[in-house]
Amino acid sequence: MRYSAAIGVFLTVGGVIGCGQQGASPVSEPVAKSPVPVPATSAAAEVVTPTKTEEVALGMAAPGPLVPVPQPIEADMETLQPVPATPTGPSDVELAFGRLVEAAEGGQPDDWAAAEQDLQAAGDLVIPVLIEHLDDERPQARELAVMLLAQVGPEAAPAAPTLVKLLGDPSSLIQVNAAATLIMIGDQPRDEEADTPAEEGAERVTFAVRTLATLLKHPEENIRMTALSSLGNAGLAAKPAIPRMTAALGDVNPQVRAMAASSLGRLGPLAAAQVAALKSLAEDEDPEVRGAAALAIRQIEAPDAPGEAIPASAIEK
């Protein structure tokens, strides 16, 4: 058995008693116990050097500085979450849209941003899924579906019939986004088999303009601004709404006034009669309003430089 020479000590048990006492009675003479033999050191025996720990334990060495024991690293579950892959099919898009609805209902902006990014990465795959949710029983799902379709633009043409129905939805947010999408779709056919796409599209745009003109009196500035922006994209179809657009130049909210001026400017010469009202904004207290009015006047008086159509969609604040 291996042992350490420093701590492996064998002791002698007892001692020799009555040495030199001859003739003593064996009865009274104590019996000396044989000493436990100490093993002799062999030349071939292994010499073991005590370890640092043993030296410290025996007082042969001073203990060194304490080394702190590393604490276990707690895993951050958020950083260990798998990175979602880009949606590659309808089922993936459906899951991403479901996450978006949950994020909206739970007020989770980070989850919202992640789900929206996945939907944007899905490209055209998202359109049929969004169209399906236009009839969703949940108002939140309908609002999100129509809002995203408003950002899609003309490619949302297959949704046109359902969007027309949503112009009468109880939610003003759904109404304004449905109308904005119909404006962007314009007179495009909703499918390849449409017999009279121009007439059908013109009728849809007319319905959308009427809805948007009504929403210009909505109490929420977000709705009013989206309606104005969409009317600025409607071209000739916006003519019936110009009086209400002009009235919006006097809105209490400077952002709404600026949007009204910008939208009239994008209509070009169609809004020529509104130049005087736009010039009155030169003294507006808000510099953004003044700048928008000046640009609108230039666009109206220079028909060769019309403004670009701006995709409009409203989100609930």
Protein backbone atom coordinates (compact mmCIF):
# COMPACT_ATOMS: atom_id res chain seq x y z
CA MET A 1 0.00 0.00 0.00
CA ARG A 2 1.39 3.41 -0.93
CA TYR A 3 1.62 5.94 1.81
CA SER A 4 3.35 9.19 2.53
CA ALA A 5 6.57 9.06 4.59
CA ALA A 6 5.55 12.28 6.25
CA ILE A 7 2.21 11.09 7.63
CA GLY A 8 2.36 7.30 7.44
CA VAL A 9 3.84 6.75 10.97
CA PHE A 10 3.56 3.37 12.74
CA LEU A 11 3.53 3.59 16.59
CA THR A 12 4.86 1.11 19.12
CA VAL A 13 2.09 -0.05 21.44
CA GLY A 14 3.10 -0.56 25.12
CA GLY A 15 6.65 -0.77 26.49
CA VAL A 16 9.13 -3.27 28.05
CA ILE A 17 8.42 -3.31 31.80
CA GLY A 18 10.59 -4.99 34.54
CA CYS A 19 13.80 -5.04 32.58
CA GLY A 20 16.71 -6.29 34.74
CA GLN A 21 14.37 -7.85 37.35
CA GLN A 22 15.46 -11.49 37.30
CA GLY A 23 13.91 -14.21 39.43
CA ALA A 24 10.67 -12.45 39.78
CA SER A 25 7.66 -14.56 39.90
CA PRO A 26 6.17 -15.07 36.50
CA VAL A 27 2.81 -14.40 38.03
CA SER A 28 3.69 -11.02 39.44
CA GLU A 29 5.91 -10.06 36.53
CA PRO A 30 4.02 -8.20 33.87
CA VAL A 31 4.16 -9.65 30.46
CA ALA A 32 5.90 -7.32 28.06
CA LYS A 33 4.04 -6.81 24.79
CA SER A 34 6.01 -7.17 21.64
CA PRO A 35 6.55 -3.89 19.86
CA VAL A 36 4.89 -3.41 16.54
CA PRO A 37 7.69 -3.73 14.02
CA VAL A 38 8.57 -0.64 12.02
CA PRO A 39 9.13 -1.60 8.43
CA ALA A 40 12.67 -1.11 7.27
CA THR A 41 13.32 1.24 4.48
CA SER A 42 14.15 -0.62 1.35
CA ALA A 43 16.51 0.77 -1.23
CA ALA A 44 13.89 0.02 -3.82
CA ALA A 45 11.04 1.58 -1.84
CA GLU A 46 9.24 4.51 -3.48
CA VAL A 47 10.02 7.86 -1.90
CA VAL A 48 6.91 9.99 -2.04
CA THR A 49 7.20 13.75 -1.78
CA PRO A 50 4.33 15.31 0.15
CA THR A 51 1.95 17.41 -1.86
CA LYS A 52 1.43 21.09 -1.18
CA THR A 53 -1.91 20.28 0.41
CA GLU A 54 -0.27 17.73 2.74
CA GLU A 55 2.48 20.16 3.71
CA VAL A 56 -0.09 22.80 4.59
CA ALA A 57 -2.10 20.25 6.59
CA LEU A 58 0.99 19.22 8.61
CA GLY A 59 2.14 22.78 9.17
CA MET A 60 5.15 22.27 6.93
CA ALA A 61 4.22 25.15 4.63
CA ALA A 62 2.20 28.32 4.81
CA PRO A 63 -1.03 28.33 2.87
CA GLY A 64 -1.00 30.29 -0.39
CA PRO A 65 -3.47 32.96 -1.41
CA LEU A 66 -7.07 31.84 -1.78
CA VAL A 67 -8.22 31.42 -5.35
CA PRO A 68 -11.91 32.20 -5.85
CA VAL A 69 -13.96 29.39 -7.22
CA PRO A 70 -15.55 30.40 -10.54
CA GLN A 71 -19.28 30.82 -10.23
CA PRO A 72 -21.47 28.90 -12.67
CA ILE A 73 -22.64 31.04 -15.58
CA GLU A 74 -26.40 31.41 -15.64
CA ALA A 75 -27.75 31.00 -19.13
CA ASP A 76 -29.65 33.97 -20.51
CA MET A 77 -32.70 32.31 -22.00
CA GLU A 78 -33.44 35.29 -24.21
CA THR A 79 -30.05 35.07 -25.89
CA LEU A 80 -30.42 31.34 -26.34
CA GLN A 81 -33.68 31.60 -28.24
CA PRO A 82 -33.38 30.17 -31.74
CA VAL A 83 -33.35 32.71 -34.55
CA PRO A 84 -36.56 32.25 -36.56
CA ALA A 85 -36.05 31.34 -40.17
CA THR A 86 -37.52 33.36 -43.00
CA PRO A 87 -41.08 32.16 -43.68
CA THR A 88 -41.07 29.82 -46.67
CA GLY A 89 -44.71 28.81 -46.91
CA PRO A 90 -48.27 29.75 -45.93
CA SER A 91 -48.00 27.93 -42.60
CA ASP A 92 -44.91 29.94 -41.65
CA VAL A 93 -46.63 33.18 -42.64
CA GLU A 94 -49.69 32.19 -40.63
CA LEU A 95 -47.53 31.61 -37.56
CA ALA A 96 -45.79 34.96 -38.04
CA PHE A 97 -49.12 36.75 -38.35
CA GLY A 98 -50.36 35.00 -35.21
CA ARG A 99 -47.31 36.26 -33.33
CA LEU A 100 -48.02 39.77 -34.60
CA VAL A 101 -51.59 39.64 -33.27
CA GLU A 102 -50.40 38.34 -29.90
CA ALA A 103 -47.77 41.09 -29.70
CA ALA A 104 -50.37 43.74 -30.48
CA GLU A 105 -52.79 42.40 -27.90
CA GLY A 106 -50.07 42.07 -25.26
CA GLY A 107 -48.34 45.37 -25.97
CA GLN A 108 -44.97 43.76 -26.78
CA PRO A 109 -43.10 46.04 -29.22
CA ASP A 110 -40.06 43.76 -29.60
CA ASP A 111 -42.20 40.76 -30.52
CA TRP A 112 -44.21 42.99 -32.85
CA ALA A 113 -41.07 44.13 -34.67
CA ALA A 114 -39.77 40.56 -35.03
CA ALA A 115 -43.08 39.25 -36.39
CA GLU A 116 -43.47 42.20 -38.77
CA GLN A 117 -39.95 41.62 -40.07
CA ASP A 118 -40.79 37.98 -40.78
CA LEU A 119 -43.94 38.99 -42.64
CA GLN A 120 -42.06 41.52 -44.74
CA ALA A 121 -39.44 38.90 -45.57
CA ALA A 122 -42.17 36.55 -46.79
CA GLY A 123 -42.89 38.77 -49.80
CA ASP A 124 -45.93 37.85 -51.87
CA LEU A 125 -46.59 34.81 -49.67
CA VAL A 126 -48.12 37.15 -47.12
CA ILE A 127 -50.94 38.43 -49.35
CA PRO A 128 -53.28 35.38 -49.31
CA VAL A 129 -52.82 35.01 -45.55
CA LEU A 130 -53.70 38.67 -44.96
CA ILE A 131 -56.72 38.42 -47.25
CA GLU A 132 -57.98 35.44 -45.28
CA HIS A 133 -57.78 37.43 -42.05
CA LEU A 134 -59.80 40.32 -43.44
CA ASP A 135 -62.83 38.25 -42.40
CA ASP A 136 -61.34 37.38 -39.00
CA GLU A 137 -63.80 37.60 -36.11
CA ARG A 138 -61.17 39.36 -34.02
CA PRO A 139 -61.14 43.12 -34.69
CA GLN A 140 -57.43 43.28 -33.86
CA ALA A 141 -56.61 40.66 -36.50
CA ARG A 142 -58.71 42.47 -39.13
CA GLU A 143 -57.05 45.78 -38.31
CA LEU A 144 -53.55 44.32 -38.64
CA ALA A 145 -54.37 42.46 -41.85
CA VAL A 146 -55.78 45.52 -43.61
CA MET A 147 -52.98 47.72 -42.26
CA LEU A 148 -50.33 45.43 -43.75
CA LEU A 149 -52.22 45.19 -47.05
CA ALA A 150 -52.20 48.99 -47.22
CA GLN A 151 -48.41 48.77 -47.17
CA VAL A 152 -48.41 46.12 -49.90
CA GLY A 153 -50.02 48.52 -52.38
CA PRO A 154 -51.30 47.55 -55.86
CA GLU A 155 -50.29 43.91 -55.38
CA ALA A 156 -53.19 43.63 -52.93
CA ALA A 157 -55.68 43.75 -55.83
CA PRO A 158 -57.08 40.24 -55.10
CA ALA A 159 -58.35 41.63 -51.79
CA ALA A 160 -60.42 44.40 -53.44
CA PRO A 161 -63.92 42.87 -53.00
CA THR A 162 -63.35 42.26 -49.30
CA LEU A 163 -61.78 45.69 -48.85
CA VAL A 164 -64.91 47.34 -50.26
CA LYS A 165 -66.96 45.52 -47.62
CA LEU A 166 -64.60 46.73 -44.91
CA LEU A 167 -65.38 50.36 -45.78
CA GLY A 168 -68.42 49.82 -43.55
CA ASP A 169 -66.52 48.11 -40.71
CA PRO A 170 -67.24 49.44 -37.20
CA SER A 171 -63.53 50.21 -36.76
CA SER A 172 -62.43 53.54 -38.23
CA LEU A 173 -58.90 52.19 -38.37
CA ILE A 174 -60.08 49.39 -40.65
CA GLN A 175 -62.11 51.79 -42.77
CA VAL A 176 -59.24 54.19 -43.42
CA ASN A 177 -56.74 51.43 -44.20
CA ALA A 178 -59.20 49.62 -46.46
CA ALA A 179 -59.86 52.86 -48.35
CA ALA A 180 -56.13 53.64 -48.56
CA THR A 181 -55.46 50.21 -50.05
CA LEU A 182 -58.25 50.58 -52.61
CA ILE A 183 -56.76 53.91 -53.68
CA MET A 184 -53.37 52.28 -54.18
CA ILE A 185 -54.92 49.38 -56.12
CA GLY A 186 -56.71 51.86 -58.37
CA ASP A 187 -58.44 50.39 -61.42
CA GLN A 188 -56.36 47.23 -61.56
CA PRO A 189 -58.33 44.01 -62.04
CA ARG A 190 -58.78 41.92 -58.92
CA ASP A 191 -57.91 38.84 -60.97
CA GLU A 192 -57.03 37.88 -64.53
CA GLU A 193 -60.62 36.97 -65.41
CA ALA A 194 -62.18 40.35 -64.61
CA ASP A 195 -64.28 41.47 -67.61
CA THR A 196 -64.40 45.21 -66.91
CA PRO A 197 -61.42 46.01 -64.67
CA ALA A 198 -61.36 49.77 -65.35
CA GLU A 199 -65.03 50.33 -64.53
CA GLU A 200 -64.91 48.05 -61.53
CA GLY A 201 -61.75 49.68 -60.25
CA ALA A 202 -63.13 53.20 -60.73
CA GLU A 203 -66.19 52.30 -58.72
CA ARG A 204 -64.07 50.95 -55.89
CA VAL A 205 -61.98 54.14 -55.84
CA THR A 206 -65.14 56.26 -55.72
CA PHE A 207 -66.35 54.36 -52.67
CA ALA A 208 -62.94 54.75 -51.04
CA VAL A 209 -62.84 58.54 -51.66
CA ARG A 210 -66.25 58.97 -50.07
CA THR A 211 -65.12 57.08 -46.99
CA LEU A 212 -61.90 59.06 -46.72
CA ALA A 213 -63.69 62.39 -47.07
CA THR A 214 -65.99 61.43 -44.22
CA LEU A 215 -63.04 60.41 -42.04
CA LEU A 216 -61.48 63.88 -42.39
CA LYS A 217 -63.76 64.87 -39.52
CA HIS A 218 -62.69 61.96 -37.31
CA PRO A 219 -61.60 62.97 -33.78
CA GLU A 220 -58.27 61.11 -34.03
CA GLU A 221 -55.57 63.02 -35.89
CA ASN A 222 -53.95 59.74 -36.94
CA ILE A 223 -57.07 58.82 -38.90
CA ARG A 224 -57.38 62.32 -40.40
CA MET A 225 -53.77 62.33 -41.53
CA THR A 226 -54.04 58.91 -43.17
CA ALA A 227 -57.23 59.92 -44.95
CA LEU A 228 -55.57 63.08 -46.29
CA SER A 229 -52.49 61.22 -47.44
CA SER A 230 -54.62 58.66 -49.27
CA LEU A 231 -56.72 61.34 -50.97
CA GLY A 232 -53.51 62.91 -52.25
CA ASN A 233 -52.88 59.60 -54.06
CA ALA A 234 -56.35 59.43 -55.64
CA GLY A 235 -55.75 61.78 -58.56
CA LEU A 236 -58.86 62.93 -60.41
CA ALA A 237 -61.04 60.71 -58.24
CA ALA A 238 -60.24 62.97 -55.26
CA LYS A 239 -61.98 66.00 -56.80
CA PRO A 240 -65.21 65.61 -54.76
CA ALA A 241 -63.14 65.60 -51.55
CA ILE A 242 -61.10 68.75 -52.30
CA PRO A 243 -63.39 71.11 -50.30
CA ARG A 244 -62.94 69.01 -47.17
CA MET A 245 -59.21 68.68 -47.83
CA THR A 246 -59.00 72.46 -48.03
CA ALA A 247 -60.90 72.80 -44.77
CA ALA A 248 -58.25 70.60 -43.16
CA LEU A 249 -55.71 73.38 -43.80
CA GLY A 250 -57.24 75.02 -40.71
CA ASP A 251 -57.02 71.90 -38.51
CA VAL A 252 -55.96 72.48 -34.90
CA ASN A 253 -53.14 69.96 -35.29
CA PRO A 254 -50.13 71.29 -37.25
CA GLN A 255 -49.27 67.83 -38.54
CA VAL A 256 -52.75 67.54 -40.05
CA ARG A 257 -52.43 71.01 -41.61
CA ALA A 258 -49.09 70.05 -43.15
CA MET A 259 -50.54 66.79 -44.50
CA ALA A 260 -53.52 68.64 -45.99
CA ALA A 261 -51.18 71.02 -47.83
CA SER A 262 -48.98 68.17 -49.03
CA SER A 263 -51.94 66.16 -50.31
CA LEU A 264 -53.39 69.10 -52.21
CA GLY A 265 -50.01 69.71 -53.79
CA ARG A 266 -49.85 66.13 -55.04
CA LEU A 267 -53.16 66.66 -56.85
CA GLY A 268 -51.42 69.24 -59.04
CA PRO A 269 -53.54 71.59 -61.18
CA LEU A 270 -56.68 69.84 -59.93
CA ALA A 271 -56.22 71.89 -56.75
CA ALA A 272 -55.51 75.20 -58.50
CA ALA A 273 -58.43 76.90 -56.77
CA GLN A 274 -56.80 76.15 -53.41
CA VAL A 275 -53.61 78.14 -54.01
CA ALA A 276 -55.01 81.16 -52.16
CA ALA A 277 -55.78 79.01 -49.10
CA LEU A 278 -52.30 77.53 -49.28
CA LYS A 279 -50.70 80.97 -49.44
CA SER A 280 -52.49 81.91 -46.22
CA LEU A 281 -50.34 79.31 -44.47
CA ALA A 282 -47.21 81.37 -45.17
CA GLU A 283 -47.77 82.97 -41.76
CA ASP A 284 -48.46 79.68 -39.95
CA GLU A 285 -46.66 79.36 -36.64
CA ASP A 286 -45.35 75.90 -37.54
CA PRO A 287 -42.36 75.78 -39.93
CA GLU A 288 -43.37 72.33 -41.21
CA VAL A 289 -46.76 73.69 -42.25
CA ARG A 290 -45.19 76.67 -43.99
CA GLY A 291 -42.78 74.46 -45.88
CA ALA A 292 -45.50 72.02 -46.95
CA ALA A 293 -47.70 74.86 -48.20
CA ALA A 294 -44.87 76.42 -50.23
CA LEU A 295 -44.04 73.09 -51.83
CA ALA A 296 -47.70 72.42 -52.62
CA ILE A 297 -48.02 75.75 -54.42
CA ARG A 298 -45.01 74.93 -56.60
CA GLN A 299 -46.45 71.50 -57.42
CA ILE A 300 -49.82 72.98 -58.39
CA GLU A 301 -48.29 75.70 -60.52
CA ALA A 302 -45.77 73.34 -62.13
CA PRO A 303 -47.86 70.43 -63.50
CA ASP A 304 -44.79 68.83 -65.03
CA ALA A 305 -43.45 68.09 -61.55
CA PRO A 306 -46.27 66.24 -59.75
CA GLY A 307 -45.69 64.77 -56.32
CA GLU A 308 -45.19 61.06 -55.81
CA ALA A 309 -47.90 58.81 -54.46
CA ILE A 310 -47.17 58.09 -50.82
CA PRO A 311 -48.33 54.74 -49.41
CA ALA A 312 -50.61 55.51 -46.49
CA SER A 313 -51.62 53.27 -43.64
CA ALA A 314 -52.70 54.06 -40.12
CA ILE A 315 -51.78 52.23 -36.96
CA GLU A 316 -53.68 52.45 -33.72
CA LYS A 317 -51.98 54.63 -31.14
